[in-house]
Amino acid sequence: MSNNPIYLALDLPRLDAAEAMARKVASHIGGIKLGLEFFCAHGHHGVRELQKLGLPIFLDLKLHDIPNTVAAAMQAIHVLEPAIVTIHATGGRAMMEDAKAAAGENTKVVAVTVLTSLDSDDLGAIGIKADPMEQALRLAELSQAAGLDGIVCSGHEVGAIHKQWKDGFFVVPGLRLPDGKHSDQKRIVSPREARDAGASVLVIGRPIRGAEDPLAAARAIEATL
């Protein structure tokens, strides 16, 4: 795992565009995050192509199903040797335990707690009475008990979770620069704030991909860390 905590979110539908962007900023990022859009479009082949850059690959697939199905899916991506894979903590302890058991020895399995696009009103609408902080803490505790490596949470929760899970591995998405657009993210902090609070990995997409000069943007973000 690189010392640079920045993982570039390359959720792009075209493989050539993803490769070009990754090459452009490779010297100022620590890894590449590939989400559902990319994986559904390009599958194993696309992952293999981006692995040629020599950077760790984070497969952000957010697996969520019955334990047997999630374990089988984890085995199916085993050959890709991803550095990090995400599952959903709301799948329950048995699902998380089976996912970890099926993962490769060098793959960190981390559970998504509360998506950064959700706030208290959104949680209430799906029947969850806890606020995002309470829910994230509860699911982090369950993830730790299930033997996972860590969790995914917003920068607002990572500090509190880090206090209760000292050696956990914490992935923080939804990061924006102070003067940047929030887009569909609701619970955001800056990369520096997240790192100071205990984030292990900083997932950054649009602030780099959407910049006029992506290399300069990646370099500037790295400099703040």
C-alpha atoms as a PDB file:
ATOM      1  CA  MET A   1       0.000   0.000   0.000  1.00  0.00           C
ATOM      2  CA  SER A   2       1.412   3.383  -1.044  1.00  0.00           C
ATOM      3  CA  ASN A   3       2.284   6.090   1.488  1.00  0.00           C
ATOM      4  CA  ASN A   4       0.168   8.492  -0.566  1.00  0.00           C
ATOM      5  CA  PRO A   5      -3.421   8.120   0.734  1.00  0.00           C
ATOM      6  CA  ILE A   6      -5.062   9.591  -2.379  1.00  0.00           C
ATOM      7  CA  TYR A   7      -7.015   7.077  -4.451  1.00  0.00           C
ATOM      8  CA  LEU A   8      -8.310   8.556  -7.690  1.00  0.00           C
ATOM      9  CA  ALA A   9     -11.944   7.583  -8.352  1.00  0.00           C
ATOM     10  CA  LEU A  10     -11.978   6.594 -12.015  1.00  0.00           C
ATOM     11  CA  ASP A  11     -15.685   5.978 -12.434  1.00  0.00           C
ATOM     12  CA  LEU A  12     -15.579   6.545 -16.168  1.00  0.00           C
ATOM     13  CA  PRO A  13     -17.456   4.548 -18.829  1.00  0.00           C
ATOM     14  CA  ARG A  14     -14.593   4.608 -21.378  1.00  0.00           C
ATOM     15  CA  LEU A  15     -11.463   2.577 -20.711  1.00  0.00           C
ATOM     16  CA  ASP A  16      -9.175   4.751 -22.847  1.00  0.00           C
ATOM     17  CA  ALA A  17     -10.281   7.889 -20.985  1.00  0.00           C
ATOM     18  CA  ALA A  18      -9.742   6.200 -17.623  1.00  0.00           C
ATOM     19  CA  GLU A  19      -6.257   5.045 -18.632  1.00  0.00           C
ATOM     20  CA  ALA A  20      -5.315   8.485 -19.944  1.00  0.00           C
ATOM     21  CA  MET A  21      -6.482  10.202 -16.745  1.00  0.00           C
ATOM     22  CA  ALA A  22      -4.664   7.715 -14.518  1.00  0.00           C
ATOM     23  CA  ARG A  23      -1.412   8.099 -16.465  1.00  0.00           C
ATOM     24  CA  LYS A  24      -1.671  11.871 -16.281  1.00  0.00           C
ATOM     25  CA  VAL A  25      -1.771  11.990 -12.462  1.00  0.00           C
ATOM     26  CA  ALA A  26      -0.066   8.698 -11.534  1.00  0.00           C
ATOM     27  CA  SER A  27       2.897  10.378  -9.860  1.00  0.00           C
ATOM     28  CA  HIS A  28       0.659  12.226  -7.378  1.00  0.00           C
ATOM     29  CA  ILE A  29      -1.805   9.530  -6.333  1.00  0.00           C
ATOM     30  CA  GLY A  30      -1.428   6.383  -4.241  1.00  0.00           C
ATOM     31  CA  GLY A  31      -3.957   4.164  -5.987  1.00  0.00           C
ATOM     32  CA  ILE A  32      -6.944   3.869  -8.301  1.00  0.00           C
ATOM     33  CA  LYS A  33     -10.547   3.347  -7.214  1.00  0.00           C
ATOM     34  CA  LEU A  34     -12.771   1.580  -9.711  1.00  0.00           C
ATOM     35  CA  GLY A  35     -16.485   1.619  -9.008  1.00  0.00           C
ATOM     36  CA  LEU A  36     -19.590  -0.055 -10.386  1.00  0.00           C
ATOM     37  CA  GLU A  37     -19.793   2.043 -13.538  1.00  0.00           C
ATOM     38  CA  PHE A  38     -16.282   1.092 -14.613  1.00  0.00           C
ATOM     39  CA  PHE A  39     -16.514  -2.555 -13.522  1.00  0.00           C
ATOM     40  CA  CYS A  40     -19.866  -3.128 -15.237  1.00  0.00           C
ATOM     41  CA  ALA A  41     -18.482  -1.613 -18.436  1.00  0.00           C
ATOM     42  CA  HIS A  42     -15.054  -3.254 -18.518  1.00  0.00           C
ATOM     43  CA  GLY A  43     -14.937  -6.071 -15.956  1.00  0.00           C
ATOM     44  CA  HIS A  44     -11.753  -8.016 -15.316  1.00  0.00           C
ATOM     45  CA  HIS A  45     -10.164  -6.818 -18.558  1.00  0.00           C
ATOM     46  CA  GLY A  46     -10.456  -3.172 -17.565  1.00  0.00           C
ATOM     47  CA  VAL A  47      -8.967  -3.828 -14.142  1.00  0.00           C
ATOM     48  CA  ARG A  48      -6.053  -5.707 -15.714  1.00  0.00           C
ATOM     49  CA  GLU A  49      -5.362  -2.822 -18.081  1.00  0.00           C
ATOM     50  CA  LEU A  50      -5.212  -0.268 -15.276  1.00  0.00           C
ATOM     51  CA  GLN A  51      -3.058  -2.571 -13.150  1.00  0.00           C
ATOM     52  CA  LYS A  52      -0.341  -2.089 -15.775  1.00  0.00           C
ATOM     53  CA  LEU A  53       0.245   1.371 -14.280  1.00  0.00           C
ATOM     54  CA  GLY A  54       1.617  -0.324 -11.160  1.00  0.00           C
ATOM     55  CA  LEU A  55      -0.762   1.356  -8.708  1.00  0.00           C
ATOM     56  CA  PRO A  56      -2.906  -0.489  -6.125  1.00  0.00           C
ATOM     57  CA  ILE A  57      -6.464  -1.114  -7.275  1.00  0.00           C
ATOM     58  CA  PHE A  58      -9.447  -0.445  -5.016  1.00  0.00           C
ATOM     59  CA  LEU A  59     -12.566  -2.258  -6.275  1.00  0.00           C
ATOM     60  CA  ASP A  60     -15.463  -0.259  -4.886  1.00  0.00           C
ATOM     61  CA  LEU A  61     -18.193  -2.793  -5.664  1.00  0.00           C
ATOM     62  CA  LYS A  62     -20.212  -2.399  -2.443  1.00  0.00           C
ATOM     63  CA  LEU A  63     -21.265  -6.051  -2.475  1.00  0.00           C
ATOM     64  CA  HIS A  64     -24.549  -6.646  -0.653  1.00  0.00           C
ATOM     65  CA  ASP A  65     -26.437  -9.936  -0.872  1.00  0.00           C
ATOM     66  CA  ILE A  66     -26.876 -13.181   1.030  1.00  0.00           C
ATOM     67  CA  PRO A  67     -23.590 -14.462   2.543  1.00  0.00           C
ATOM     68  CA  ASN A  68     -23.063 -17.253   0.011  1.00  0.00           C
ATOM     69  CA  THR A  69     -23.521 -14.954  -2.982  1.00  0.00           C
ATOM     70  CA  VAL A  70     -21.168 -12.293  -1.631  1.00  0.00           C
ATOM     71  CA  ALA A  71     -18.537 -14.926  -0.823  1.00  0.00           C
ATOM     72  CA  ALA A  72     -18.818 -16.305  -4.362  1.00  0.00           C
ATOM     73  CA  ALA A  73     -18.479 -12.808  -5.832  1.00  0.00           C
ATOM     74  CA  MET A  74     -15.403 -12.213  -3.691  1.00  0.00           C
ATOM     75  CA  GLN A  75     -13.888 -15.460  -4.975  1.00  0.00           C
ATOM     76  CA  ALA A  76     -14.635 -14.386  -8.545  1.00  0.00           C
ATOM     77  CA  ILE A  77     -12.499 -11.238  -8.183  1.00  0.00           C
ATOM     78  CA  HIS A  78      -9.804 -13.030  -6.188  1.00  0.00           C
ATOM     79  CA  VAL A  79      -7.620 -13.427  -9.306  1.00  0.00           C
ATOM     80  CA  LEU A  80      -7.483  -9.634  -9.721  1.00  0.00           C
ATOM     81  CA  GLU A  81      -5.740  -9.291  -6.339  1.00  0.00           C
ATOM     82  CA  PRO A  82      -7.348  -5.937  -5.477  1.00  0.00           C
ATOM     83  CA  ALA A  83      -5.797  -3.988  -2.627  1.00  0.00           C
ATOM     84  CA  ILE A  84      -9.229  -3.029  -1.242  1.00  0.00           C
ATOM     85  CA  VAL A  85     -12.789  -4.257  -1.836  1.00  0.00           C
ATOM     86  CA  THR A  86     -15.983  -2.785  -0.388  1.00  0.00           C
ATOM     87  CA  ILE A  87     -19.078  -4.558   0.885  1.00  0.00           C
ATOM     88  CA  HIS A  88     -22.135  -3.122   2.656  1.00  0.00           C
ATOM     89  CA  ALA A  89     -22.159  -3.384   6.452  1.00  0.00           C
ATOM     90  CA  THR A  90     -25.970  -3.535   6.362  1.00  0.00           C
ATOM     91  CA  GLY A  91     -25.626  -6.990   4.824  1.00  0.00           C
ATOM     92  CA  GLY A  92     -25.058  -8.219   8.375  1.00  0.00           C
ATOM     93  CA  ARG A  93     -22.340  -9.963  10.323  1.00  0.00           C
ATOM     94  CA  ALA A  94     -22.559 -13.369   8.621  1.00  0.00           C
ATOM     95  CA  MET A  95     -22.244 -11.783   5.178  1.00  0.00           C
ATOM     96  CA  MET A  96     -19.238  -9.743   6.281  1.00  0.00           C
ATOM     97  CA  GLU A  97     -17.535 -12.753   7.870  1.00  0.00           C
ATOM     98  CA  ASP A  98     -18.003 -14.823   4.714  1.00  0.00           C
ATOM     99  CA  ALA A  99     -16.754 -11.989   2.506  1.00  0.00           C
ATOM    100  CA  LYS A 100     -13.571 -11.640   4.541  1.00  0.00           C
ATOM    101  CA  ALA A 101     -13.013 -15.395   4.578  1.00  0.00           C
ATOM    102  CA  ALA A 102     -13.310 -15.538   0.779  1.00  0.00           C
ATOM    103  CA  ALA A 103     -11.039 -12.566   0.096  1.00  0.00           C
ATOM    104  CA  GLY A 104      -7.393 -12.811  -0.862  1.00  0.00           C
ATOM    105  CA  GLU A 105      -4.770 -12.652   1.853  1.00  0.00           C
ATOM    106  CA  ASN A 106      -3.542  -9.240   0.704  1.00  0.00           C
ATOM    107  CA  THR A 107      -6.983  -7.729   0.085  1.00  0.00           C
ATOM    108  CA  LYS A 108      -8.452  -5.384   2.663  1.00  0.00           C
ATOM    109  CA  VAL A 109     -12.198  -5.859   3.004  1.00  0.00           C
ATOM    110  CA  VAL A 110     -13.946  -2.716   4.204  1.00  0.00           C
ATOM    111  CA  ALA A 111     -17.634  -2.170   4.873  1.00  0.00           C
ATOM    112  CA  VAL A 112     -19.658   0.830   3.775  1.00  0.00           C
ATOM    113  CA  THR A 113     -21.464   2.319   6.776  1.00  0.00           C
ATOM    114  CA  VAL A 114     -23.562   5.299   5.611  1.00  0.00           C
ATOM    115  CA  LEU A 115     -23.230   6.587   2.054  1.00  0.00           C
ATOM    116  CA  THR A 116     -21.968  10.165   1.898  1.00  0.00           C
ATOM    117  CA  SER A 117     -24.957  11.059  -0.296  1.00  0.00           C
ATOM    118  CA  LEU A 118     -27.327  10.403   2.637  1.00  0.00           C
ATOM    119  CA  ASP A 119     -28.269  12.641   5.562  1.00  0.00           C
ATOM    120  CA  SER A 120     -30.596  12.171   8.549  1.00  0.00           C
ATOM    121  CA  ASP A 121     -33.727  12.819   6.477  1.00  0.00           C
ATOM    122  CA  ASP A 122     -32.684  10.192   3.945  1.00  0.00           C
ATOM    123  CA  LEU A 123     -32.031   7.637   6.681  1.00  0.00           C
ATOM    124  CA  GLY A 124     -35.415   8.366   8.243  1.00  0.00           C
ATOM    125  CA  ALA A 125     -37.119   7.830   4.894  1.00  0.00           C
ATOM    126  CA  ILE A 126     -35.776   4.274   4.735  1.00  0.00           C
ATOM    127  CA  GLY A 127     -36.737   3.502   8.313  1.00  0.00           C
ATOM    128  CA  ILE A 128     -33.466   4.181  10.130  1.00  0.00           C
ATOM    129  CA  LYS A 129     -34.057   6.373  13.169  1.00  0.00           C
ATOM    130  CA  ALA A 130     -30.390   6.911  14.013  1.00  0.00           C
ATOM    131  CA  ASP A 131     -28.546   9.912  12.608  1.00  0.00           C
ATOM    132  CA  PRO A 132     -25.543   9.271  10.323  1.00  0.00           C
ATOM    133  CA  MET A 133     -23.033   9.401  13.192  1.00  0.00           C
ATOM    134  CA  GLU A 134     -24.965   6.897  15.331  1.00  0.00           C
ATOM    135  CA  GLN A 135     -25.536   4.574  12.391  1.00  0.00           C
ATOM    136  CA  ALA A 136     -21.905   4.720  11.254  1.00  0.00           C
ATOM    137  CA  LEU A 137     -20.631   3.979  14.763  1.00  0.00           C
ATOM    138  CA  ARG A 138     -23.023   1.034  15.112  1.00  0.00           C
ATOM    139  CA  LEU A 139     -22.053  -0.460  11.781  1.00  0.00           C
ATOM    140  CA  ALA A 140     -18.337   0.129  12.404  1.00  0.00           C
ATOM    141  CA  GLU A 141     -18.636  -1.841  15.643  1.00  0.00           C
ATOM    142  CA  LEU A 142     -20.378  -4.669  13.785  1.00  0.00           C
ATOM    143  CA  SER A 143     -17.739  -4.628  11.041  1.00  0.00           C
ATOM    144  CA  GLN A 144     -14.950  -4.848  13.590  1.00  0.00           C
ATOM    145  CA  ALA A 145     -16.695  -7.764  15.320  1.00  0.00           C
ATOM    146  CA  ALA A 146     -17.016  -9.512  11.949  1.00  0.00           C
ATOM    147  CA  GLY A 147     -13.245  -9.372  11.481  1.00  0.00           C
ATOM    148  CA  LEU A 148     -13.112  -6.868   8.645  1.00  0.00           C
ATOM    149  CA  ASP A 149     -10.106  -4.635   8.047  1.00  0.00           C
ATOM    150  CA  GLY A 150     -12.052  -1.406   8.282  1.00  0.00           C
ATOM    151  CA  ILE A 151     -14.951   0.654   7.047  1.00  0.00           C
ATOM    152  CA  VAL A 152     -15.999   3.402   4.665  1.00  0.00           C
ATOM    153  CA  CYS A 153     -17.468   6.498   6.282  1.00  0.00           C
ATOM    154  CA  SER A 154     -17.624  10.233   5.766  1.00  0.00           C
ATOM    155  CA  GLY A 155     -15.047  12.600   7.175  1.00  0.00           C
ATOM    156  CA  HIS A 156     -17.611  13.671   9.749  1.00  0.00           C
ATOM    157  CA  GLU A 157     -17.607  10.237  11.397  1.00  0.00           C
ATOM    158  CA  VAL A 158     -14.059   8.990  10.893  1.00  0.00           C
ATOM    159  CA  GLY A 159     -12.634  10.715  13.978  1.00  0.00           C
ATOM    160  CA  ALA A 160     -15.170   9.182  16.357  1.00  0.00           C
ATOM    161  CA  ILE A 161     -14.839   5.737  14.777  1.00  0.00           C
ATOM    162  CA  HIS A 162     -11.052   5.934  14.881  1.00  0.00           C
ATOM    163  CA  LYS A 163     -11.243   6.486  18.634  1.00  0.00           C
ATOM    164  CA  GLN A 164     -13.182   3.250  19.140  1.00  0.00           C
ATOM    165  CA  TRP A 165     -11.264   1.216  16.515  1.00  0.00           C
ATOM    166  CA  LYS A 166      -7.628   2.238  16.935  1.00  0.00           C
ATOM    167  CA  ASP A 167      -6.107  -0.051  14.315  1.00  0.00           C
ATOM    168  CA  GLY A 168      -8.938   0.101  11.795  1.00  0.00           C
ATOM    169  CA  PHE A 169      -8.475   0.934   8.112  1.00  0.00           C
ATOM    170  CA  PHE A 170     -10.646   3.904   7.211  1.00  0.00           C
ATOM    171  CA  VAL A 171     -11.702   4.892   3.700  1.00  0.00           C
ATOM    172  CA  VAL A 172     -13.197   8.372   3.370  1.00  0.00           C
ATOM    173  CA  PRO A 173     -14.997   9.421   0.168  1.00  0.00           C
ATOM    174  CA  GLY A 174     -17.088  12.515  -0.532  1.00  0.00           C
ATOM    175  CA  LEU A 175     -14.096  14.820  -0.184  1.00  0.00           C
ATOM    176  CA  ARG A 176     -14.209  18.288  -1.632  1.00  0.00           C
ATOM    177  CA  LEU A 177     -11.877  21.267  -1.632  1.00  0.00           C
ATOM    178  CA  PRO A 178     -13.087  24.298   0.355  1.00  0.00           C
ATOM    179  CA  ASP A 179     -13.955  26.208  -2.817  1.00  0.00           C
ATOM    180  CA  GLY A 180     -15.230  23.216  -4.792  1.00  0.00           C
ATOM    181  CA  LYS A 181     -18.723  22.083  -5.819  1.00  0.00           C
ATOM    182  CA  HIS A 182     -20.491  19.588  -3.566  1.00  0.00           C
ATOM    183  CA  SER A 183     -22.433  17.867  -6.402  1.00  0.00           C
ATOM    184  CA  ASP A 184     -24.499  14.991  -4.905  1.00  0.00           C
ATOM    185  CA  GLN A 185     -22.448  14.736  -1.717  1.00  0.00           C
ATOM    186  CA  LYS A 186     -24.029  15.969   1.519  1.00  0.00           C
ATOM    187  CA  ARG A 187     -21.599  15.122   4.333  1.00  0.00           C
ATOM    188  CA  ILE A 188     -18.268  16.420   3.100  1.00  0.00           C
ATOM    189  CA  VAL A 189     -14.914  17.564   4.511  1.00  0.00           C
ATOM    190  CA  SER A 190     -11.579  18.498   2.961  1.00  0.00           C
ATOM    191  CA  PRO A 191      -8.843  15.894   2.329  1.00  0.00           C
ATOM    192  CA  ARG A 192      -6.656  17.435   5.051  1.00  0.00           C
ATOM    193  CA  GLU A 193      -9.460  17.354   7.619  1.00  0.00           C
ATOM    194  CA  ALA A 194     -10.202  13.702   6.839  1.00  0.00           C
ATOM    195  CA  ARG A 195      -6.539  12.720   7.062  1.00  0.00           C
ATOM    196  CA  ASP A 196      -6.125  14.515  10.392  1.00  0.00           C
ATOM    197  CA  ALA A 197      -9.180  12.697  11.768  1.00  0.00           C
ATOM    198  CA  GLY A 198      -7.691   9.288  10.992  1.00  0.00           C
ATOM    199  CA  ALA A 199      -8.494   8.452   7.364  1.00  0.00           C
ATOM    200  CA  SER A 200      -6.245   5.778   5.845  1.00  0.00           C
ATOM    201  CA  VAL A 201      -7.426   6.308   2.269  1.00  0.00           C
ATOM    202  CA  LEU A 202      -8.855   9.462   0.699  1.00  0.00           C
ATOM    203  CA  VAL A 203     -11.110   8.790  -2.280  1.00  0.00           C
ATOM    204  CA  ILE A 204     -11.035  11.786  -4.598  1.00  0.00           C
ATOM    205  CA  GLY A 205     -12.733  11.912  -7.976  1.00  0.00           C
ATOM    206  CA  ARG A 206     -14.284  15.026  -9.449  1.00  0.00           C
ATOM    207  CA  PRO A 207     -11.936  17.561  -7.781  1.00  0.00           C
ATOM    208  CA  ILE A 208      -9.140  15.948  -9.838  1.00  0.00           C
ATOM    209  CA  ARG A 209     -10.953  14.517 -12.883  1.00  0.00           C
ATOM    210  CA  GLY A 210     -13.040  17.633 -13.395  1.00  0.00           C
ATOM    211  CA  ALA A 211     -10.185  20.102 -12.957  1.00  0.00           C
ATOM    212  CA  GLU A 212      -8.900  22.171 -15.842  1.00  0.00           C
ATOM    213  CA  ASP A 213      -5.463  20.730 -15.086  1.00  0.00           C
ATOM    214  CA  PRO A 214      -5.912  17.341 -13.325  1.00  0.00           C
ATOM    215  CA  LEU A 215      -2.182  16.942 -12.671  1.00  0.00           C
ATOM    216  CA  ALA A 216      -1.964  20.347 -10.986  1.00  0.00           C
ATOM    217  CA  ALA A 217      -5.086  19.549  -8.958  1.00  0.00           C
ATOM    218  CA  ALA A 218      -3.681  16.213  -7.769  1.00  0.00           C
ATOM    219  CA  ARG A 219      -0.365  17.836  -6.916  1.00  0.00           C
ATOM    220  CA  ALA A 220      -2.092  20.621  -4.991  1.00  0.00           C
ATOM    221  CA  ILE A 221      -4.212  18.182  -2.960  1.00  0.00           C
ATOM    222  CA  GLU A 222      -1.177  16.023  -2.184  1.00  0.00           C
ATOM    223  CA  ALA A 223       0.678  19.126  -0.999  1.00  0.00           C
ATOM    224  CA  THR A 224      -2.002  19.801   1.637  1.00  0.00           C
ATOM    225  CA  LEU A 225      -1.403  16.404   3.223  1.00  0.00           C
END
